[in-house]
PDB file of all heavy atoms in Angstrom:
ATOM      1  N   HIS A   1       0.801  -1.222   0.000  1.00  0.00           N
ATOM      2  CA  HIS A   1       0.000   0.000   0.000  1.00  0.00           C
ATOM      3  C   HIS A   1       0.836   1.275   0.000  1.00  0.00           C
ATOM      4  O   HIS A   1       0.313   2.361   0.178  1.00  0.00           O
ATOM      5  CB  HIS A   1      -0.929   0.000   1.214  1.00  0.00           C
ATOM      6  CG  HIS A   1      -1.967  -1.061   1.138  1.00  0.00           C
ATOM      7  ND1 HIS A   1      -1.759  -2.322   1.639  1.00  0.00           N
ATOM      8  CD2 HIS A   1      -3.198  -1.061   0.593  1.00  0.00           C
ATOM      9  CE1 HIS A   1      -2.827  -3.042   1.427  1.00  0.00           C
ATOM     10  NE2 HIS A   1      -3.720  -2.317   0.796  1.00  0.00           N
ATOM     11  N   ALA A   2       2.136   1.152  -0.206  1.00  0.00           N
ATOM     12  CA  ALA A   2       3.030   2.306  -0.132  1.00  0.00           C
ATOM     13  C   ALA A   2       2.616   3.416  -1.095  1.00  0.00           C
ATOM     14  O   ALA A   2       2.734   4.592  -0.771  1.00  0.00           O
ATOM     15  CB  ALA A   2       4.466   1.883  -0.398  1.00  0.00           C
ATOM     16  N   LYS A   3       2.111   3.072  -2.269  1.00  0.00           N
ATOM     17  CA  LYS A   3       1.714   4.076  -3.257  1.00  0.00           C
ATOM     18  C   LYS A   3       0.421   4.776  -2.876  1.00  0.00           C
ATOM     19  O   LYS A   3       0.110   5.839  -3.373  1.00  0.00           O
ATOM     20  CB  LYS A   3       1.563   3.430  -4.634  1.00  0.00           C
ATOM     21  CG  LYS A   3       2.864   2.934  -5.212  1.00  0.00           C
ATOM     22  CD  LYS A   3       2.642   2.310  -6.559  1.00  0.00           C
ATOM     23  CE  LYS A   3       3.946   1.742  -7.109  1.00  0.00           C
ATOM     24  NZ  LYS A   3       3.745   1.047  -8.372  1.00  0.00           N
ATOM     25  N   ASN A   4      -0.351   4.160  -1.999  1.00  0.00           N
ATOM     26  CA  ASN A   4      -1.644   4.717  -1.624  1.00  0.00           C
ATOM     27  C   ASN A   4      -1.685   5.099  -0.146  1.00  0.00           C
ATOM     28  O   ASN A   4      -2.667   4.881   0.532  1.00  0.00           O
ATOM     29  CB  ASN A   4      -2.759   3.708  -1.923  1.00  0.00           C
ATOM     30  CG  ASN A   4      -2.853   3.397  -3.387  1.00  0.00           C
ATOM     31  OD1 ASN A   4      -2.793   4.297  -4.205  1.00  0.00           O
ATOM     32  ND2 ASN A   4      -2.976   2.133  -3.715  1.00  0.00           N
ATOM     33  N   ARG A   5      -0.618   5.701   0.352  1.00  0.00           N
ATOM     34  CA  ARG A   5      -0.535   6.027   1.782  1.00  0.00           C
ATOM     35  C   ARG A   5      -1.699   6.903   2.236  1.00  0.00           C
ATOM     36  O   ARG A   5      -2.173   6.778   3.346  1.00  0.00           O
ATOM     37  CB  ARG A   5       0.778   6.720   2.105  1.00  0.00           C
ATOM     38  CG  ARG A   5       1.961   5.830   1.940  1.00  0.00           C
ATOM     39  CD  ARG A   5       2.461   5.325   3.245  1.00  0.00           C
ATOM     40  NE  ARG A   5       3.632   4.496   2.967  1.00  0.00           N
ATOM     41  CZ  ARG A   5       3.977   3.487   3.675  1.00  0.00           C
ATOM     42  NH1 ARG A   5       3.291   3.159   4.713  1.00  0.00           N
ATOM     43  NH2 ARG A   5       5.018   2.782   3.346  1.00  0.00           N
ATOM     44  N   GLN A   6      -2.159   7.839   1.387  1.00  0.00           N
ATOM     45  CA  GLN A   6      -3.251   8.705   1.797  1.00  0.00           C
ATOM     46  C   GLN A   6      -4.544   7.930   2.038  1.00  0.00           C
ATOM     47  O   GLN A   6      -5.383   8.357   2.808  1.00  0.00           O
ATOM     48  CB  GLN A   6      -3.483   9.845   0.800  1.00  0.00           C
ATOM     49  CG  GLN A   6      -4.027   9.406  -0.552  1.00  0.00           C
ATOM     50  CD  GLN A   6      -2.950   9.027  -1.546  1.00  0.00           C
ATOM     51  OE1 GLN A   6      -1.810   8.755  -1.189  1.00  0.00           O
ATOM     52  NE2 GLN A   6      -3.298   8.988  -2.814  1.00  0.00           N
ATOM     53  N   HIS A   7      -4.684   6.766   1.427  1.00  0.00           N
ATOM     54  CA  HIS A   7      -5.866   5.932   1.622  1.00  0.00           C
ATOM     55  C   HIS A   7      -5.633   4.841   2.667  1.00  0.00           C
ATOM     56  O   HIS A   7      -6.536   4.114   3.017  1.00  0.00           O
ATOM     57  CB  HIS A   7      -6.288   5.274   0.310  1.00  0.00           C
ATOM     58  CG  HIS A   7      -6.630   6.257  -0.746  1.00  0.00           C
ATOM     59  ND1 HIS A   7      -7.715   7.095  -0.644  1.00  0.00           N
ATOM     60  CD2 HIS A   7      -6.021   6.572  -1.907  1.00  0.00           C
ATOM     61  CE1 HIS A   7      -7.762   7.865  -1.715  1.00  0.00           C
ATOM     62  NE2 HIS A   7      -6.746   7.569  -2.499  1.00  0.00           N
ATOM     63  N   CYS A   8      -4.427   4.733   3.110  1.00  0.00           N
ATOM     64  CA  CYS A   8      -4.039   3.636   4.002  1.00  0.00           C
ATOM     65  C   CYS A   8      -4.104   4.105   5.445  1.00  0.00           C
ATOM     66  O   CYS A   8      -3.110   4.512   6.011  1.00  0.00           O
ATOM     67  CB  CYS A   8      -2.632   3.156   3.631  1.00  0.00           C
ATOM     68  SG  CYS A   8      -2.123   1.720   4.551  1.00  0.00           S
ATOM     69  N   GLN A   9      -5.280   4.094   6.031  1.00  0.00           N
ATOM     70  CA  GLN A   9      -5.437   4.481   7.431  1.00  0.00           C
ATOM     71  C   GLN A   9      -5.016   3.332   8.315  1.00  0.00           C
ATOM     72  O   GLN A   9      -5.425   2.201   8.141  1.00  0.00           O
ATOM     73  CB  GLN A   9      -6.911   4.821   7.721  1.00  0.00           C
ATOM     74  CG  GLN A   9      -7.411   6.020   6.990  1.00  0.00           C
ATOM     75  CD  GLN A   9      -6.751   7.283   7.485  1.00  0.00           C
ATOM     76  OE1 GLN A   9      -6.475   7.424   8.667  1.00  0.00           O
ATOM     77  NE2 GLN A   9      -6.483   8.189   6.577  1.00  0.00           N
ATOM     78  N   ARG A  10      -4.183   3.616   9.302  1.00  0.00           N
ATOM     79  CA  ARG A  10      -3.727   2.598  10.232  1.00  0.00           C
ATOM     80  C   ARG A  10      -4.628   2.587  11.450  1.00  0.00           C
ATOM     81  O   ARG A  10      -5.053   3.627  11.918  1.00  0.00           O
ATOM     82  CB  ARG A  10      -2.293   2.880  10.659  1.00  0.00           C
ATOM     83  CG  ARG A  10      -1.331   2.712   9.505  1.00  0.00           C
ATOM     84  CD  ARG A  10       0.022   3.154   9.921  1.00  0.00           C
ATOM     85  NE  ARG A  10      -0.036   4.620  10.043  1.00  0.00           N
ATOM     86  CZ  ARG A  10       0.981   5.359  10.394  1.00  0.00           C
ATOM     87  NH1 ARG A  10       2.122   4.812  10.694  1.00  0.00           N
ATOM     88  NH2 ARG A  10       0.869   6.657  10.469  1.00  0.00           N
ATOM     89  N   ARG A  11      -4.906   1.422  11.959  1.00  0.00           N
ATOM     90  CA  ARG A  11      -5.673   1.316  13.195  1.00  0.00           C
ATOM     91  C   ARG A  11      -4.870   1.877  14.349  1.00  0.00           C
ATOM     92  O   ARG A  11      -5.385   2.509  15.234  1.00  0.00           O
ATOM     93  CB  ARG A  11      -6.035  -0.136  13.473  1.00  0.00           C
ATOM     94  CG  ARG A  11      -6.895  -0.279  14.708  1.00  0.00           C
ATOM     95  CD  ARG A  11      -7.403  -1.673  14.861  1.00  0.00           C
ATOM     96  NE  ARG A  11      -8.379  -1.700  15.912  1.00  0.00           N
ATOM     97  CZ  ARG A  11      -9.052  -2.758  16.244  1.00  0.00           C
ATOM     98  NH1 ARG A  11      -8.887  -3.877  15.589  1.00  0.00           N
ATOM     99  NH2 ARG A  11      -9.920  -2.717  17.213  1.00  0.00           N
ATOM    100  N   TRP A  12      -3.598   1.640  14.337  1.00  0.00           N
ATOM    101  CA  TRP A  12      -2.730   2.103  15.414  1.00  0.00           C
ATOM    102  C   TRP A  12      -1.549   2.851  14.812  1.00  0.00           C
ATOM    103  O   TRP A  12      -0.993   2.445  13.823  1.00  0.00           O
ATOM    104  CB  TRP A  12      -2.186   0.922  16.220  1.00  0.00           C
ATOM    105  CG  TRP A  12      -3.239   0.034  16.758  1.00  0.00           C
ATOM    106  CD1 TRP A  12      -3.584  -1.191  16.289  1.00  0.00           C
ATOM    107  CD2 TRP A  12      -4.100   0.291  17.851  1.00  0.00           C
ATOM    108  NE1 TRP A  12      -4.602  -1.719  17.025  1.00  0.00           N
ATOM    109  CE2 TRP A  12      -4.929  -0.826  18.006  1.00  0.00           C
ATOM    110  CE3 TRP A  12      -4.239   1.352  18.736  1.00  0.00           C
ATOM    111  CZ2 TRP A  12      -5.895  -0.915  18.984  1.00  0.00           C
ATOM    112  CZ3 TRP A  12      -5.195   1.254  19.722  1.00  0.00           C
ATOM    113  CH2 TRP A  12      -6.000   0.143  19.838  1.00  0.00           C
ATOM    114  N   GLU A  13      -1.179   3.919  15.465  1.00  0.00           N
ATOM    115  CA  GLU A  13       0.025   4.648  15.074  1.00  0.00           C
ATOM    116  C   GLU A  13       0.983   4.559  16.261  1.00  0.00           C
ATOM    117  O   GLU A  13       0.629   4.942  17.370  1.00  0.00           O
ATOM    118  CB  GLU A  13      -0.325   6.109  14.797  1.00  0.00           C
ATOM    119  CG  GLU A  13       0.862   6.967  14.483  1.00  0.00           C
ATOM    120  CD  GLU A  13       0.470   8.433  14.344  1.00  0.00           C
ATOM    121  OE1 GLU A  13      -0.620   8.719  13.844  1.00  0.00           O
ATOM    122  OE2 GLU A  13       1.269   9.269  14.769  1.00  0.00           O
ATOM    123  N   LEU A  14       2.157   4.046  16.022  1.00  0.00           N
ATOM    124  CA  LEU A  14       3.108   3.870  17.107  1.00  0.00           C
ATOM    125  C   LEU A  14       3.598   5.228  17.600  1.00  0.00           C
ATOM    126  O   LEU A  14       3.978   6.079  16.817  1.00  0.00           O
ATOM    127  CB  LEU A  14       4.295   3.024  16.642  1.00  0.00           C
ATOM    128  CG  LEU A  14       5.258   2.567  17.717  1.00  0.00           C
ATOM    129  CD1 LEU A  14       4.543   1.681  18.736  1.00  0.00           C
ATOM    130  CD2 LEU A  14       6.404   1.811  17.099  1.00  0.00           C
ATOM    131  N   ILE A  15       3.552   5.407  18.904  1.00  0.00           N
ATOM    132  CA  ILE A  15       4.029   6.642  19.527  1.00  0.00           C
ATOM    133  C   ILE A  15       5.171   6.246  20.449  1.00  0.00           C
ATOM    134  O   ILE A  15       4.954   5.610  21.470  1.00  0.00           O
ATOM    135  CB  ILE A  15       2.914   7.315  20.367  1.00  0.00           C
ATOM    136  CG1 ILE A  15       1.642   7.516  19.544  1.00  0.00           C
ATOM    137  CG2 ILE A  15       3.422   8.614  20.969  1.00  0.00           C
ATOM    138  CD1 ILE A  15       1.815   8.379  18.331  1.00  0.00           C
ATOM    139  N   GLY A  16       6.390   6.646  20.114  1.00  0.00           N
ATOM    140  CA  GLY A  16       7.540   6.253  20.924  1.00  0.00           C
ATOM    141  C   GLY A  16       7.663   4.744  20.939  1.00  0.00           C
ATOM    142  O   GLY A  16       7.412   4.065  19.965  1.00  0.00           O
ATOM    143  N   GLU A  17       8.042   4.204  22.082  1.00  0.00           N
ATOM    144  CA  GLU A  17       8.226   2.763  22.215  1.00  0.00           C
ATOM    145  C   GLU A  17       7.085   2.090  22.962  1.00  0.00           C
ATOM    146  O   GLU A  17       6.986   0.890  22.981  1.00  0.00           O
ATOM    147  CB  GLU A  17       9.536   2.491  22.965  1.00  0.00           C
ATOM    148  CG  GLU A  17      10.775   2.883  22.197  1.00  0.00           C
ATOM    149  CD  GLU A  17      10.990   2.024  20.964  1.00  0.00           C
ATOM    150  OE1 GLU A  17      10.749   0.804  21.023  1.00  0.00           O
ATOM    151  OE2 GLU A  17      11.386   2.575  19.931  1.00  0.00           O
ATOM    152  N   THR A  18       6.199   2.862  23.620  1.00  0.00           N
ATOM    153  CA  THR A  18       5.276   2.230  24.555  1.00  0.00           C
ATOM    154  C   THR A  18       3.800   2.492  24.326  1.00  0.00           C
ATOM    155  O   THR A  18       2.981   1.898  25.010  1.00  0.00           O
ATOM    156  CB  THR A  18       5.600   2.688  25.992  1.00  0.00           C
ATOM    157  OG1 THR A  18       5.442   4.103  26.061  1.00  0.00           O
ATOM    158  CG2 THR A  18       6.991   2.277  26.396  1.00  0.00           C
ATOM    159  N   SER A  19       3.427   3.362  23.443  1.00  0.00           N
ATOM    160  CA  SER A  19       1.999   3.657  23.312  1.00  0.00           C
ATOM    161  C   SER A  19       1.578   3.761  21.847  1.00  0.00           C
ATOM    162  O   SER A  19       2.405   3.911  20.967  1.00  0.00           O
ATOM    163  CB  SER A  19       1.654   4.946  24.058  1.00  0.00           C
ATOM    164  OG  SER A  19       2.304   6.054  23.475  1.00  0.00           O
ATOM    165  N   VAL A  20       0.284   3.673  21.621  1.00  0.00           N
ATOM    166  CA  VAL A  20      -0.290   3.758  20.285  1.00  0.00           C
ATOM    167  C   VAL A  20      -1.495   4.683  20.321  1.00  0.00           C
ATOM    168  O   VAL A  20      -2.055   4.943  21.386  1.00  0.00           O
ATOM    169  CB  VAL A  20      -0.711   2.370  19.742  1.00  0.00           C
ATOM    170  CG1 VAL A  20       0.485   1.477  19.511  1.00  0.00           C
ATOM    171  CG2 VAL A  20      -1.707   1.721  20.662  1.00  0.00           C
ATOM    172  N   ARG A  21      -1.906   5.162  19.168  1.00  0.00           N
ATOM    173  CA  ARG A  21      -3.097   5.993  19.040  1.00  0.00           C
ATOM    174  C   ARG A  21      -4.082   5.294  18.125  1.00  0.00           C
ATOM    175  O   ARG A  21      -3.690   4.568  17.212  1.00  0.00           O
ATOM    176  CB  ARG A  21      -2.751   7.356  18.447  1.00  0.00           C
ATOM    177  CG  ARG A  21      -1.967   8.202  19.381  1.00  0.00           C
ATOM    178  CD  ARG A  21      -1.907   9.620  18.877  1.00  0.00           C
ATOM    179  NE  ARG A  21      -1.160  10.413  19.823  1.00  0.00           N
ATOM    180  CZ  ARG A  21      -0.299  11.339  19.491  1.00  0.00           C
ATOM    181  NH1 ARG A  21      -0.073  11.612  18.226  1.00  0.00           N
ATOM    182  NH2 ARG A  21       0.332  12.017  20.419  1.00  0.00           N
ATOM    183  N   LEU A  22      -5.354   5.548  18.354  1.00  0.00           N
ATOM    184  CA  LEU A  22      -6.379   5.021  17.468  1.00  0.00           C
ATOM    185  C   LEU A  22      -6.322   5.749  16.136  1.00  0.00           C
ATOM    186  O   LEU A  22      -5.789   6.852  16.030  1.00  0.00           O
ATOM    187  CB  LEU A  22      -7.759   5.176  18.111  1.00  0.00           C
ATOM    188  CG  LEU A  22      -7.985   4.261  19.309  1.00  0.00           C
ATOM    189  CD1 LEU A  22      -9.216   4.680  20.083  1.00  0.00           C
ATOM    190  CD2 LEU A  22      -8.111   2.824  18.851  1.00  0.00           C
ATOM    191  N   SER A  23      -6.921   5.165  15.120  1.00  0.00           N
ATOM    192  CA  SER A  23      -6.853   5.714  13.766  1.00  0.00           C
ATOM    193  C   SER A  23      -7.655   7.002  13.614  1.00  0.00           C
ATOM    194  O   SER A  23      -8.554   7.311  14.397  1.00  0.00           O
ATOM    195  CB  SER A  23      -7.391   4.684  12.770  1.00  0.00           C
ATOM    196  OG  SER A  23      -8.795   4.541  12.929  1.00  0.00           O
ATOM    197  N   ASN A  24      -7.331   7.735  12.570  1.00  0.00           N
ATOM    198  CA  ASN A  24      -8.113   8.923  12.218  1.00  0.00           C
ATOM    199  C   ASN A  24      -9.547   8.533  11.891  1.00  0.00           C
ATOM    200  O   ASN A  24     -10.471   9.298  12.156  1.00  0.00           O
ATOM    201  CB  ASN A  24      -7.482   9.625  11.022  1.00  0.00           C
ATOM    202  CG  ASN A  24      -6.141  10.240  11.365  1.00  0.00           C
ATOM    203  OD1 ASN A  24      -5.817  10.454  12.526  1.00  0.00           O
ATOM    204  ND2 ASN A  24      -5.349  10.513  10.343  1.00  0.00           N
ATOM    205  N   SER A  25      -9.736   7.372  11.312  1.00  0.00           N
ATOM    206  CA  SER A  25     -11.075   6.899  10.980  1.00  0.00           C
ATOM    207  C   SER A  25     -11.919   6.733  12.245  1.00  0.00           C
ATOM    208  O   SER A  25     -13.072   7.157  12.298  1.00  0.00           O
ATOM    209  CB  SER A  25     -10.983   5.570  10.219  1.00  0.00           C
ATOM    210  OG  SER A  25     -12.257   5.083   9.894  1.00  0.00           O
ATOM    211  N   PHE A  26     -11.328   6.132  13.284  1.00  0.00           N
ATOM    212  CA  PHE A  26     -12.048   5.998  14.556  1.00  0.00           C
ATOM    213  C   PHE A  26     -12.339   7.364  15.145  1.00  0.00           C
ATOM    214  O   PHE A  26     -13.445   7.643  15.602  1.00  0.00           O
ATOM    215  CB  PHE A  26     -11.259   5.164  15.567  1.00  0.00           C
ATOM    216  CG  PHE A  26     -11.880   5.211  16.945  1.00  0.00           C
ATOM    217  CD1 PHE A  26     -12.985   4.435  17.238  1.00  0.00           C
ATOM    218  CD2 PHE A  26     -11.387   6.063  17.909  1.00  0.00           C
ATOM    219  CE1 PHE A  26     -13.584   4.502  18.480  1.00  0.00           C
ATOM    220  CE2 PHE A  26     -11.978   6.134  19.163  1.00  0.00           C
ATOM    221  CZ  PHE A  26     -13.080   5.354  19.447  1.00  0.00           C
ATOM    222  N   SER A  27     -11.341   8.235  15.149  1.00  0.00           N
ATOM    223  CA  SER A  27     -11.520   9.578  15.689  1.00  0.00           C
ATOM    224  C   SER A  27     -12.669  10.301  14.984  1.00  0.00           C
ATOM    225  O   SER A  27     -13.507  10.941  15.631  1.00  0.00           O
ATOM    226  CB  SER A  27     -10.223  10.370  15.542  1.00  0.00           C
ATOM    227  OG  SER A  27     -10.370  11.664  16.072  1.00  0.00           O
ATOM    228  N   GLY A  28     -12.717  10.185  13.675  1.00  0.00           N
ATOM    229  CA  GLY A  28     -13.790  10.820  12.909  1.00  0.00           C
ATOM    230  C   GLY A  28     -15.158  10.234  13.217  1.00  0.00           C
ATOM    231  O   GLY A  28     -16.153  10.954  13.326  1.00  0.00           O
ATOM    232  N   ALA A  29     -15.208   8.910  13.356  1.00  0.00           N
ATOM    233  CA  ALA A  29     -16.488   8.253  13.675  1.00  0.00           C
ATOM    234  C   ALA A  29     -16.981   8.677  15.053  1.00  0.00           C
ATOM    235  O   ALA A  29     -18.164   8.989  15.237  1.00  0.00           O
ATOM    236  CB  ALA A  29     -16.332   6.734  13.605  1.00  0.00           C
ATOM    237  N   LEU A  30     -16.081   8.718  16.025  1.00  0.00           N
ATOM    238  CA  LEU A  30     -16.457   9.108  17.381  1.00  0.00           C
ATOM    239  C   LEU A  30     -16.873  10.572  17.433  1.00  0.00           C
ATOM    240  O   LEU A  30     -17.883  10.924  18.036  1.00  0.00           O
ATOM    241  CB  LEU A  30     -15.300   8.852  18.352  1.00  0.00           C
ATOM    242  CG  LEU A  30     -15.560   9.261  19.802  1.00  0.00           C
ATOM    243  CD1 LEU A  30     -16.738   8.497  20.389  1.00  0.00           C
ATOM    244  CD2 LEU A  30     -14.309   9.047  20.635  1.00  0.00           C
ATOM    245  N   ARG A  31     -16.085  11.430  16.794  1.00  0.00           N
ATOM    246  CA  ARG A  31     -16.392  12.861  16.775  1.00  0.00           C
ATOM    247  C   ARG A  31     -17.760  13.129  16.171  1.00  0.00           C
ATOM    248  O   ARG A  31     -18.575  13.889  16.700  1.00  0.00           O
ATOM    249  CB  ARG A  31     -15.316  13.616  15.988  1.00  0.00           C
ATOM    250  CG  ARG A  31     -15.607  15.095  15.797  1.00  0.00           C
ATOM    251  CD  ARG A  31     -14.743  15.701  14.698  1.00  0.00           C
ATOM    252  NE  ARG A  31     -14.918  15.104  13.392  1.00  0.00           N
ATOM    253  CZ  ARG A  31     -15.939  15.362  12.562  1.00  0.00           C
ATOM    254  NH1 ARG A  31     -16.913  16.170  12.919  1.00  0.00           N
ATOM    255  NH2 ARG A  31     -16.002  14.800  11.371  1.00  0.00           N
ATOM    256  N   THR A  32     -18.047  12.476  15.063  1.00  0.00           N
ATOM    257  CA  THR A  32     -19.324  12.676  14.383  1.00  0.00           C
ATOM    258  C   THR A  32     -20.486  12.203  15.252  1.00  0.00           C
ATOM    259  O   THR A  32     -21.491  12.904  15.408  1.00  0.00           O
ATOM    260  CB  THR A  32     -19.322  11.933  13.032  1.00  0.00           C
ATOM    261  OG1 THR A  32     -18.233  12.430  12.247  1.00  0.00           O
ATOM    262  CG2 THR A  32     -20.614  12.139  12.278  1.00  0.00           C
ATOM    263  N   PHE A  33     -20.351  11.017  15.836  1.00  0.00           N
ATOM    264  CA  PHE A  33     -21.392  10.496  16.715  1.00  0.00           C
ATOM    265  C   PHE A  33     -21.598  11.433  17.910  1.00  0.00           C
ATOM    266  O   PHE A  33     -22.734  11.788  18.248  1.00  0.00           O
ATOM    267  CB  PHE A  33     -21.029   9.089  17.189  1.00  0.00           C
ATOM    268  CG  PHE A  33     -22.067   8.458  18.070  1.00  0.00           C
ATOM    269  CD1 PHE A  33     -23.342   8.186  17.598  1.00  0.00           C
ATOM    270  CD2 PHE A  33     -21.757   8.131  19.387  1.00  0.00           C
ATOM    271  CE1 PHE A  33     -24.299   7.603  18.419  1.00  0.00           C
ATOM    272  CE2 PHE A  33     -22.702   7.537  20.202  1.00  0.00           C
ATOM    273  CZ  PHE A  33     -23.983   7.278  19.723  1.00  0.00           C
ATOM    274  N   ALA A  34     -20.507  11.893  18.524  1.00  0.00           N
ATOM    275  CA  ALA A  34     -20.593  12.785  19.683  1.00  0.00           C
ATOM    276  C   ALA A  34     -21.288  14.097  19.310  1.00  0.00           C
ATOM    277  O   ALA A  34     -22.132  14.602  20.068  1.00  0.00           O
ATOM    278  CB  ALA A  34     -19.207  13.058  20.247  1.00  0.00           C
ATOM    279  N   TYR A  35     -20.948  14.649  18.163  1.00  0.00           N
ATOM    280  CA  TYR A  35     -21.560  15.913  17.751  1.00  0.00           C
ATOM    281  C   TYR A  35     -23.074  15.776  17.607  1.00  0.00           C
ATOM    282  O   TYR A  35     -23.838  16.564  18.166  1.00  0.00           O
ATOM    283  CB  TYR A  35     -20.960  16.419  16.429  1.00  0.00           C
ATOM    284  CG  TYR A  35     -21.716  17.610  15.914  1.00  0.00           C
ATOM    285  CD1 TYR A  35     -21.450  18.877  16.414  1.00  0.00           C
ATOM    286  CD2 TYR A  35     -22.733  17.461  14.976  1.00  0.00           C
ATOM    287  CE1 TYR A  35     -22.175  19.975  15.984  1.00  0.00           C
ATOM    288  CE2 TYR A  35     -23.455  18.557  14.538  1.00  0.00           C
ATOM    289  CZ  TYR A  35     -23.183  19.809  15.046  1.00  0.00           C
ATOM    290  OH  TYR A  35     -23.909  20.891  14.627  1.00  0.00           O
ATOM    291  N   PHE A  36     -23.510  14.795  16.845  1.00  0.00           N
ATOM    292  CA  PHE A  36     -24.942  14.672  16.599  1.00  0.00           C
ATOM    293  C   PHE A  36     -25.709  14.258  17.848  1.00  0.00           C
ATOM    294  O   PHE A  36     -26.851  14.671  18.047  1.00  0.00           O
ATOM    295  CB  PHE A  36     -25.219  13.756  15.409  1.00  0.00           C
ATOM    296  CG  PHE A  36     -24.876  14.411  14.106  1.00  0.00           C
ATOM    297  CD1 PHE A  36     -23.755  14.032  13.397  1.00  0.00           C
ATOM    298  CD2 PHE A  36     -25.638  15.458  13.619  1.00  0.00           C
ATOM    299  CE1 PHE A  36     -23.409  14.660  12.203  1.00  0.00           C
ATOM    300  CE2 PHE A  36     -25.309  16.105  12.430  1.00  0.00           C
ATOM    301  CZ  PHE A  36     -24.188  15.705  11.724  1.00  0.00           C
ATOM    302  N   MET A  37     -25.084  13.478  18.713  1.00  0.00           N
ATOM    303  CA  MET A  37     -25.743  13.134  19.982  1.00  0.00           C
ATOM    304  C   MET A  37     -25.873  14.367  20.873  1.00  0.00           C
ATOM    305  O   MET A  37     -26.953  14.649  21.399  1.00  0.00           O
ATOM    306  CB  MET A  37     -24.967  12.033  20.708  1.00  0.00           C
ATOM    307  CG  MET A  37     -25.107  10.663  20.091  1.00  0.00           C
ATOM    308  SD  MET A  37     -26.791  10.012  20.152  1.00  0.00           S
ATOM    309  CE  MET A  37     -27.004   9.810  21.923  1.00  0.00           C
ATOM    310  N   SER A  38     -24.796  15.117  21.046  1.00  0.00           N
ATOM    311  CA  SER A  38     -24.821  16.241  21.984  1.00  0.00           C
ATOM    312  C   SER A  38     -25.549  17.461  21.443  1.00  0.00           C
ATOM    313  O   SER A  38     -25.971  18.320  22.217  1.00  0.00           O
ATOM    314  CB  SER A  38     -23.407  16.616  22.414  1.00  0.00           C
ATOM    315  OG  SER A  38     -22.640  17.017  21.320  1.00  0.00           O
ATOM    316  N   SER A  39     -25.731  17.547  20.136  1.00  0.00           N
ATOM    317  CA  SER A  39     -26.466  18.679  19.561  1.00  0.00           C
ATOM    318  C   SER A  39     -27.973  18.426  19.534  1.00  0.00           C
ATOM    319  O   SER A  39     -28.752  19.340  19.273  1.00  0.00           O
ATOM    320  CB  SER A  39     -25.977  18.965  18.137  1.00  0.00           C
ATOM    321  OG  SER A  39     -26.371  17.910  17.258  1.00  0.00           O
ATOM    322  N   GLY A  40     -28.367  17.194  19.786  1.00  0.00           N
ATOM    323  CA  GLY A  40     -29.799  16.866  19.749  1.00  0.00           C
ATOM    324  C   GLY A  40     -30.321  16.687  18.340  1.00  0.00           C
ATOM    325  O   GLY A  40     -31.532  16.665  18.120  1.00  0.00           O
ATOM    326  N   SER A  41     -29.419  16.535  17.383  1.00  0.00           N
ATOM    327  CA  SER A  41     -29.843  16.465  15.985  1.00  0.00           C
ATOM    328  C   SER A  41     -29.527  15.129  15.316  1.00  0.00           C
ATOM    329  O   SER A  41     -29.464  15.064  14.092  1.00  0.00           O
ATOM    330  CB  SER A  41     -29.185  17.602  15.200  1.00  0.00           C
ATOM    331  OG  SER A  41     -27.770  17.484  15.241  1.00  0.00           O
TER     332      SER A  41
END
């Protein structure tokens, strides 16, 4: 997938030696759900 890095979302991004972050896709899904839930819409 090296040629398609912009489409290649990783579930985990390594941070240093000991921690990872969730993917941008998860962040977007959570953010969107939170917005529509908390806005009442």
